[in-house]
Structures are given as C-alpha cells and as structure tokens.
Amino acid sequence: MDTVAPARRAGRRPIFPLDFKRQVVEATFQPGVSVSLVAREHDVNANLVFRWRQQYQEGLFGPVSQNATFLPVQVIETLTDLPHIQAQTESHSEIVVEVGKAKLRIMGTPDPQTLQLVLQQLLR
C-alpha cells in the first residue's frame, strides 16, 4: 500500500495531502472494510477519517477518483396496476384487574373461556 507521510509543522497537527485523504476515504468504501481498520492501517484517528468521509461526500475533495466505476442496471417497465391489499387493523385493548397485591394485565383480545378461568382463580 502506497502511503504519503503528512507534513508536520513545529508543535502543530499534521497537514495531510488531499490525495492521501481521498485514498484513505476511498479505501473505507470497499465492501467488508471498517473505517477504524483503514484508519489504523494509515496511522490516522478514526474520527478524522469519518470527518474526511463526510467532506468527501460533500464534494470538498474535488472530482471523484478515476477508479470509480458504474454498476450495471436493468430498467424494467413500471407497474401500473398494483394489487390492493387490505390492511388488517388490530384492536389494541388492555384489561387490568387488581385484587389485593395481585395485578393481572391482559393485552389484546383474550379468549373468553381462558379469561373466565383466570378471573375465577384470581378472585378465590
């Protein structure tokens, strides 16, 4: 991997060349590559690389690299008659029964027989 050493000013932060920033950022766009891994490989803080990515996407690094390629696409005719699907709406109900220190909360619509059995046991 060909890297460019940043220029350093006495007692200040390094100044990274634009080509170096572009190279680092474009490396992070490769599938399966993490920003922090690329940052470590180039001895740069990951937060700085994230900032460079944002600047790159805003077009602050100039035109896109010559290595950029277009992906093939296939245009299909648009669908005009989409099937209408009726959405089922669920009623959201809640039953709360408090007896002494016991509290029963039932969400949704309970089965009547089960509800009767639970209430009989709770109210004993």
N, C-alpha and C. Protein backbone atom coordinates (compact mmCIF):
# COMPACT_ATOMS: atom_id res chain seq x y z
N MET A 1 0.85 -1.17 0.00
CA MET A 1 0.00 0.00 0.00
C MET A 1 0.90 1.23 0.00
N ASP A 2 0.61 2.15 -0.87
CA ASP A 2 1.42 3.34 -1.02
C ASP A 2 0.84 4.44 -0.15
N THR A 3 1.57 4.90 0.85
CA THR A 3 1.07 5.94 1.74
C THR A 3 1.93 7.18 1.63
N VAL A 4 1.32 8.29 1.98
CA VAL A 4 2.00 9.58 1.94
C VAL A 4 2.13 10.08 3.36
N ALA A 5 3.34 10.44 3.76
CA ALA A 5 3.55 10.96 5.12
C ALA A 5 3.04 12.39 5.19
N PRO A 6 2.32 12.73 6.26
CA PRO A 6 1.81 14.09 6.39
C PRO A 6 2.92 15.08 6.68
N ALA A 7 2.74 16.29 6.20
CA ALA A 7 3.70 17.36 6.52
C ALA A 7 3.42 17.81 7.95
N ARG A 8 4.46 18.04 8.70
CA ARG A 8 4.27 18.46 10.10
C ARG A 8 4.83 19.86 10.28
N ARG A 9 4.04 20.66 10.97
CA ARG A 9 4.52 21.98 11.38
C ARG A 9 5.00 21.85 12.82
N ALA A 10 5.94 22.62 13.20
CA ALA A 10 6.52 22.52 14.54
C ALA A 10 5.45 22.69 15.61
N GLY A 11 5.22 21.63 16.41
CA GLY A 11 4.30 21.70 17.53
C GLY A 11 2.83 21.75 17.14
N ARG A 12 2.50 21.44 15.90
CA ARG A 12 1.10 21.51 15.47
C ARG A 12 0.66 20.17 14.88
N ARG A 13 -0.59 20.13 14.53
CA ARG A 13 -1.15 18.92 13.94
C ARG A 13 -0.62 18.74 12.52
N PRO A 14 -0.59 17.48 12.08
CA PRO A 14 -0.10 17.23 10.72
C PRO A 14 -1.07 17.75 9.66
N ILE A 15 -0.53 18.10 8.52
CA ILE A 15 -1.34 18.51 7.37
C ILE A 15 -1.29 17.37 6.37
N PHE A 16 -2.43 16.72 6.14
CA PHE A 16 -2.47 15.59 5.22
C PHE A 16 -2.79 16.08 3.81
N PRO A 17 -2.06 15.60 2.82
CA PRO A 17 -2.34 15.99 1.44
C PRO A 17 -3.73 15.49 1.02
N LEU A 18 -4.35 16.22 0.12
CA LEU A 18 -5.69 15.88 -0.35
C LEU A 18 -5.73 14.50 -0.99
N ASP A 19 -4.70 14.14 -1.74
CA ASP A 19 -4.66 12.82 -2.37
C ASP A 19 -4.62 11.71 -1.32
N PHE A 20 -3.91 11.94 -0.23
CA PHE A 20 -3.85 10.96 0.85
C PHE A 20 -5.23 10.79 1.49
N LYS A 21 -5.90 11.91 1.76
CA LYS A 21 -7.24 11.85 2.35
C LYS A 21 -8.18 11.08 1.43
N ARG A 22 -8.14 11.40 0.14
CA ARG A 22 -9.01 10.73 -0.83
C ARG A 22 -8.72 9.23 -0.86
N GLN A 23 -7.45 8.87 -0.83
CA GLN A 23 -7.05 7.46 -0.85
C GLN A 23 -7.59 6.73 0.38
N VAL A 24 -7.46 7.34 1.54
CA VAL A 24 -7.95 6.72 2.78
C VAL A 24 -9.46 6.58 2.74
N VAL A 25 -10.15 7.65 2.35
CA VAL A 25 -11.62 7.62 2.32
C VAL A 25 -12.11 6.57 1.34
N GLU A 26 -11.54 6.53 0.15
CA GLU A 26 -12.00 5.56 -0.85
C GLU A 26 -11.73 4.13 -0.40
N ALA A 27 -10.72 3.92 0.40
CA ALA A 27 -10.45 2.58 0.95
C ALA A 27 -11.56 2.15 1.90
N THR A 28 -12.21 3.12 2.57
CA THR A 28 -13.28 2.77 3.52
C THR A 28 -14.57 2.39 2.81
N PHE A 29 -14.69 2.70 1.53
CA PHE A 29 -15.90 2.37 0.78
C PHE A 29 -15.88 0.96 0.21
N GLN A 30 -14.79 0.24 0.39
CA GLN A 30 -14.70 -1.12 -0.12
C GLN A 30 -15.57 -2.04 0.74
N PRO A 31 -16.23 -3.03 0.13
CA PRO A 31 -17.09 -3.94 0.89
C PRO A 31 -16.32 -4.68 1.98
N GLY A 32 -16.90 -4.75 3.15
CA GLY A 32 -16.32 -5.50 4.26
C GLY A 32 -15.18 -4.82 4.97
N VAL A 33 -14.92 -3.56 4.66
CA VAL A 33 -13.81 -2.84 5.29
C VAL A 33 -14.37 -1.86 6.31
N SER A 34 -13.79 -1.84 7.49
CA SER A 34 -14.25 -0.90 8.52
C SER A 34 -13.39 0.35 8.51
N VAL A 35 -14.00 1.45 8.90
CA VAL A 35 -13.28 2.73 8.94
C VAL A 35 -12.14 2.66 9.94
N SER A 36 -12.38 2.05 11.09
CA SER A 36 -11.32 2.01 12.10
C SER A 36 -10.13 1.17 11.64
N LEU A 37 -10.39 0.11 10.87
CA LEU A 37 -9.29 -0.70 10.36
C LEU A 37 -8.44 0.10 9.37
N VAL A 38 -9.10 0.81 8.46
CA VAL A 38 -8.37 1.65 7.49
C VAL A 38 -7.60 2.74 8.22
N ALA A 39 -8.22 3.33 9.23
CA ALA A 39 -7.54 4.38 10.00
C ALA A 39 -6.28 3.85 10.66
N ARG A 40 -6.37 2.66 11.25
CA ARG A 40 -5.18 2.07 11.89
C ARG A 40 -4.09 1.77 10.87
N GLU A 41 -4.51 1.27 9.69
CA GLU A 41 -3.53 0.95 8.65
C GLU A 41 -2.75 2.18 8.20
N HIS A 42 -3.41 3.34 8.26
CA HIS A 42 -2.78 4.58 7.81
C HIS A 42 -2.30 5.45 8.98
N ASP A 43 -2.38 4.91 10.19
CA ASP A 43 -1.94 5.62 11.39
C ASP A 43 -2.63 6.98 11.54
N VAL A 44 -3.96 6.93 11.39
CA VAL A 44 -4.80 8.13 11.49
C VAL A 44 -5.94 7.82 12.45
N ASN A 45 -6.40 8.80 13.19
CA ASN A 45 -7.53 8.63 14.10
C ASN A 45 -8.80 8.36 13.30
N ALA A 46 -9.61 7.40 13.76
CA ALA A 46 -10.83 7.02 13.05
C ALA A 46 -11.82 8.18 12.95
N ASN A 47 -11.90 9.01 13.99
CA ASN A 47 -12.81 10.16 13.94
C ASN A 47 -12.42 11.11 12.81
N LEU A 48 -11.14 11.24 12.57
CA LEU A 48 -10.66 12.09 11.49
C LEU A 48 -11.09 11.51 10.14
N VAL A 49 -11.01 10.19 10.02
CA VAL A 49 -11.42 9.54 8.77
C VAL A 49 -12.92 9.71 8.55
N PHE A 50 -13.70 9.61 9.62
CA PHE A 50 -15.14 9.84 9.48
C PHE A 50 -15.41 11.28 8.99
N ARG A 51 -14.67 12.24 9.50
CA ARG A 51 -14.82 13.63 9.06
C ARG A 51 -14.44 13.76 7.59
N TRP A 52 -13.36 13.09 7.20
CA TRP A 52 -12.93 13.13 5.80
C TRP A 52 -13.99 12.51 4.89
N ARG A 53 -14.63 11.43 5.36
CA ARG A 53 -15.69 10.80 4.56
C ARG A 53 -16.83 11.78 4.32
N GLN A 54 -17.20 12.51 5.35
CA GLN A 54 -18.27 13.49 5.21
C GLN A 54 -17.86 14.58 4.22
N GLN A 55 -16.64 15.06 4.35
CA GLN A 55 -16.15 16.10 3.43
C GLN A 55 -16.08 15.56 2.00
N TYR A 56 -15.69 14.32 1.86
CA TYR A 56 -15.61 13.68 0.54
C TYR A 56 -17.00 13.64 -0.10
N GLN A 57 -18.00 13.23 0.69
CA GLN A 57 -19.36 13.13 0.17
C GLN A 57 -19.95 14.50 -0.13
N GLU A 58 -19.45 15.53 0.52
CA GLU A 58 -19.90 16.89 0.23
C GLU A 58 -19.18 17.47 -0.98
N GLY A 59 -18.25 16.72 -1.56
CA GLY A 59 -17.53 17.17 -2.74
C GLY A 59 -16.35 18.07 -2.45
N LEU A 60 -15.90 18.12 -1.21
CA LEU A 60 -14.80 19.00 -0.84
C LEU A 60 -13.43 18.46 -1.25
N PHE A 61 -13.37 17.22 -1.72
CA PHE A 61 -12.10 16.65 -2.14
C PHE A 61 -11.95 16.69 -3.66
N GLY A 62 -12.78 17.45 -4.32
CA GLY A 62 -12.70 17.56 -5.77
C GLY A 62 -13.45 16.45 -6.46
N PRO A 63 -13.18 16.25 -7.74
CA PRO A 63 -13.90 15.23 -8.50
C PRO A 63 -13.60 13.83 -7.97
N VAL A 64 -14.54 12.94 -8.23
CA VAL A 64 -14.41 11.56 -7.78
C VAL A 64 -13.23 10.90 -8.48
N SER A 65 -12.63 9.96 -7.82
CA SER A 65 -11.45 9.26 -8.34
C SER A 65 -11.71 8.67 -9.72
N GLN A 66 -10.65 8.55 -10.49
CA GLN A 66 -10.74 7.95 -11.82
C GLN A 66 -11.04 6.45 -11.73
N ASN A 67 -10.85 5.86 -10.56
CA ASN A 67 -11.10 4.44 -10.37
C ASN A 67 -12.57 4.13 -10.15
N ALA A 68 -13.41 5.16 -10.06
CA ALA A 68 -14.83 4.94 -9.82
C ALA A 68 -15.45 4.25 -11.03
N THR A 69 -16.31 3.29 -10.76
CA THR A 69 -16.99 2.57 -11.83
C THR A 69 -18.49 2.61 -11.60
N PHE A 70 -19.22 2.49 -12.68
CA PHE A 70 -20.67 2.44 -12.59
C PHE A 70 -21.10 0.98 -12.51
N LEU A 71 -22.19 0.75 -11.80
CA LEU A 71 -22.73 -0.59 -11.70
C LEU A 71 -23.76 -0.79 -12.80
N PRO A 72 -23.85 -1.99 -13.35
CA PRO A 72 -24.85 -2.23 -14.38
C PRO A 72 -26.25 -2.23 -13.77
N VAL A 73 -27.19 -1.67 -14.51
CA VAL A 73 -28.58 -1.66 -14.06
C VAL A 73 -29.46 -2.20 -15.18
N GLN A 74 -30.63 -2.65 -14.80
CA GLN A 74 -31.60 -3.12 -15.78
C GLN A 74 -32.89 -2.38 -15.51
N VAL A 75 -33.38 -1.69 -16.53
CA VAL A 75 -34.60 -0.91 -16.39
C VAL A 75 -35.78 -1.81 -16.75
N ILE A 76 -36.77 -1.84 -15.86
CA ILE A 76 -37.97 -2.63 -16.13
C ILE A 76 -39.14 -1.68 -16.28
N GLU A 77 -40.16 -2.14 -16.96
CA GLU A 77 -41.32 -1.28 -17.13
C GLU A 77 -42.04 -1.12 -15.79
N THR A 78 -42.63 0.04 -15.62
CA THR A 78 -43.28 0.31 -14.33
C THR A 78 -44.61 -0.41 -14.24
N LEU A 79 -44.95 -0.78 -13.05
CA LEU A 79 -46.23 -1.45 -12.81
C LEU A 79 -47.30 -0.39 -12.60
N THR A 80 -48.37 -0.49 -13.36
CA THR A 80 -49.45 0.49 -13.21
C THR A 80 -50.58 -0.06 -12.36
N ASP A 81 -50.83 -1.35 -12.45
CA ASP A 81 -51.92 -1.96 -11.69
C ASP A 81 -51.36 -2.77 -10.53
N LEU A 82 -51.12 -2.10 -9.43
CA LEU A 82 -50.64 -2.79 -8.25
C LEU A 82 -51.82 -3.38 -7.50
N PRO A 83 -51.68 -4.58 -7.01
CA PRO A 83 -52.80 -5.18 -6.26
C PRO A 83 -53.03 -4.41 -4.96
N HIS A 84 -54.31 -4.22 -4.64
CA HIS A 84 -54.66 -3.52 -3.41
C HIS A 84 -54.79 -4.55 -2.29
N ILE A 85 -54.03 -4.36 -1.26
CA ILE A 85 -54.06 -5.27 -0.12
C ILE A 85 -54.71 -4.54 1.05
N GLN A 86 -55.77 -5.13 1.56
CA GLN A 86 -56.48 -4.54 2.69
C GLN A 86 -55.70 -4.83 3.97
N ALA A 87 -55.29 -3.81 4.63
CA ALA A 87 -54.57 -3.98 5.89
C ALA A 87 -55.54 -4.36 6.99
N GLN A 88 -55.14 -5.33 7.77
CA GLN A 88 -55.97 -5.73 8.90
C GLN A 88 -55.59 -4.88 10.10
N THR A 89 -56.58 -4.23 10.64
CA THR A 89 -56.31 -3.43 11.83
C THR A 89 -56.63 -4.25 13.06
N GLU A 90 -55.72 -4.21 13.97
CA GLU A 90 -55.93 -4.92 15.23
C GLU A 90 -56.39 -3.93 16.28
N SER A 91 -57.37 -4.37 17.05
CA SER A 91 -57.80 -3.50 18.14
C SER A 91 -56.82 -3.70 19.30
N HIS A 92 -56.35 -2.61 19.80
CA HIS A 92 -55.42 -2.66 20.92
C HIS A 92 -56.20 -2.38 22.19
N SER A 93 -56.47 -3.45 22.91
CA SER A 93 -57.20 -3.29 24.15
C SER A 93 -56.34 -3.82 25.30
N GLU A 94 -56.68 -3.35 26.48
CA GLU A 94 -55.94 -3.75 27.66
C GLU A 94 -56.92 -3.89 28.81
N ILE A 95 -56.81 -4.99 29.53
CA ILE A 95 -57.64 -5.22 30.71
C ILE A 95 -56.70 -5.33 31.90
N VAL A 96 -56.98 -4.54 32.94
CA VAL A 96 -56.17 -4.59 34.16
C VAL A 96 -57.09 -4.90 35.33
N VAL A 97 -56.75 -5.96 36.05
CA VAL A 97 -57.53 -6.36 37.22
C VAL A 97 -56.57 -6.40 38.41
N GLU A 98 -56.92 -5.65 39.48
CA GLU A 98 -56.11 -5.64 40.68
C GLU A 98 -56.94 -6.19 41.84
N VAL A 99 -56.40 -7.22 42.48
CA VAL A 99 -57.06 -7.81 43.64
C VAL A 99 -56.00 -7.95 44.72
N GLY A 100 -56.10 -7.14 45.75
CA GLY A 100 -55.10 -7.17 46.81
C GLY A 100 -53.74 -6.79 46.25
N LYS A 101 -52.76 -7.69 46.46
CA LYS A 101 -51.42 -7.43 45.94
C LYS A 101 -51.22 -8.01 44.54
N ALA A 102 -52.23 -8.68 44.04
CA ALA A 102 -52.12 -9.28 42.71
C ALA A 102 -52.61 -8.30 41.65
N LYS A 103 -51.92 -8.30 40.53
CA LYS A 103 -52.30 -7.43 39.43
C LYS A 103 -52.21 -8.25 38.15
N LEU A 104 -53.30 -8.26 37.38
CA LEU A 104 -53.36 -9.01 36.14
C LEU A 104 -53.57 -8.02 35.00
N ARG A 105 -52.70 -8.06 34.02
CA ARG A 105 -52.82 -7.18 32.85
C ARG A 105 -52.90 -8.07 31.62
N ILE A 106 -53.96 -7.89 30.85
CA ILE A 106 -54.15 -8.66 29.63
C ILE A 106 -54.16 -7.69 28.46
N MET A 107 -53.24 -7.91 27.53
CA MET A 107 -53.15 -7.07 26.35
C MET A 107 -53.82 -7.80 25.18
N GLY A 108 -54.53 -7.05 24.35
CA GLY A 108 -55.18 -7.66 23.19
C GLY A 108 -56.56 -8.18 23.55
N THR A 109 -57.04 -9.09 22.74
CA THR A 109 -58.37 -9.66 22.95
C THR A 109 -58.22 -11.08 23.48
N PRO A 110 -58.56 -11.31 24.76
CA PRO A 110 -58.38 -12.64 25.34
C PRO A 110 -59.50 -13.59 24.94
N ASP A 111 -59.19 -14.86 25.00
CA ASP A 111 -60.19 -15.89 24.79
C ASP A 111 -61.14 -15.86 25.99
N PRO A 112 -62.46 -15.78 25.77
CA PRO A 112 -63.41 -15.65 26.89
C PRO A 112 -63.31 -16.78 27.92
N GLN A 113 -63.14 -18.01 27.48
CA GLN A 113 -63.07 -19.13 28.43
C GLN A 113 -61.80 -19.03 29.29
N THR A 114 -60.70 -18.68 28.68
CA THR A 114 -59.45 -18.53 29.43
C THR A 114 -59.56 -17.38 30.42
N LEU A 115 -60.15 -16.27 29.99
CA LEU A 115 -60.33 -15.12 30.87
C LEU A 115 -61.19 -15.49 32.07
N GLN A 116 -62.26 -16.22 31.82
CA GLN A 116 -63.15 -16.63 32.92
C GLN A 116 -62.40 -17.51 33.92
N LEU A 117 -61.61 -18.45 33.44
CA LEU A 117 -60.85 -19.35 34.30
C LEU A 117 -59.83 -18.57 35.14
N VAL A 118 -59.11 -17.64 34.50
CA VAL A 118 -58.11 -16.85 35.21
C VAL A 118 -58.76 -15.98 36.28
N LEU A 119 -59.87 -15.34 35.95
CA LEU A 119 -60.56 -14.48 36.92
C LEU A 119 -61.11 -15.29 38.09
N GLN A 120 -61.63 -16.48 37.83
CA GLN A 120 -62.13 -17.33 38.91
C GLN A 120 -61.00 -17.67 39.88
N GLN A 121 -59.84 -18.01 39.36
CA GLN A 121 -58.71 -18.36 40.21
C GLN A 121 -58.19 -17.15 40.97
N LEU A 122 -58.20 -16.00 40.33
CA LEU A 122 -57.69 -14.78 40.95
C LEU A 122 -58.63 -14.29 42.06
N LEU A 123 -59.92 -14.44 41.87
CA LEU A 123 -60.90 -13.93 42.82
C LEU A 123 -61.24 -14.92 43.93
N ARG A 124 -60.62 -16.05 44.03
CA ARG A 124 -60.87 -17.02 45.10
C ARG A 124 -60.55 -16.47 46.44
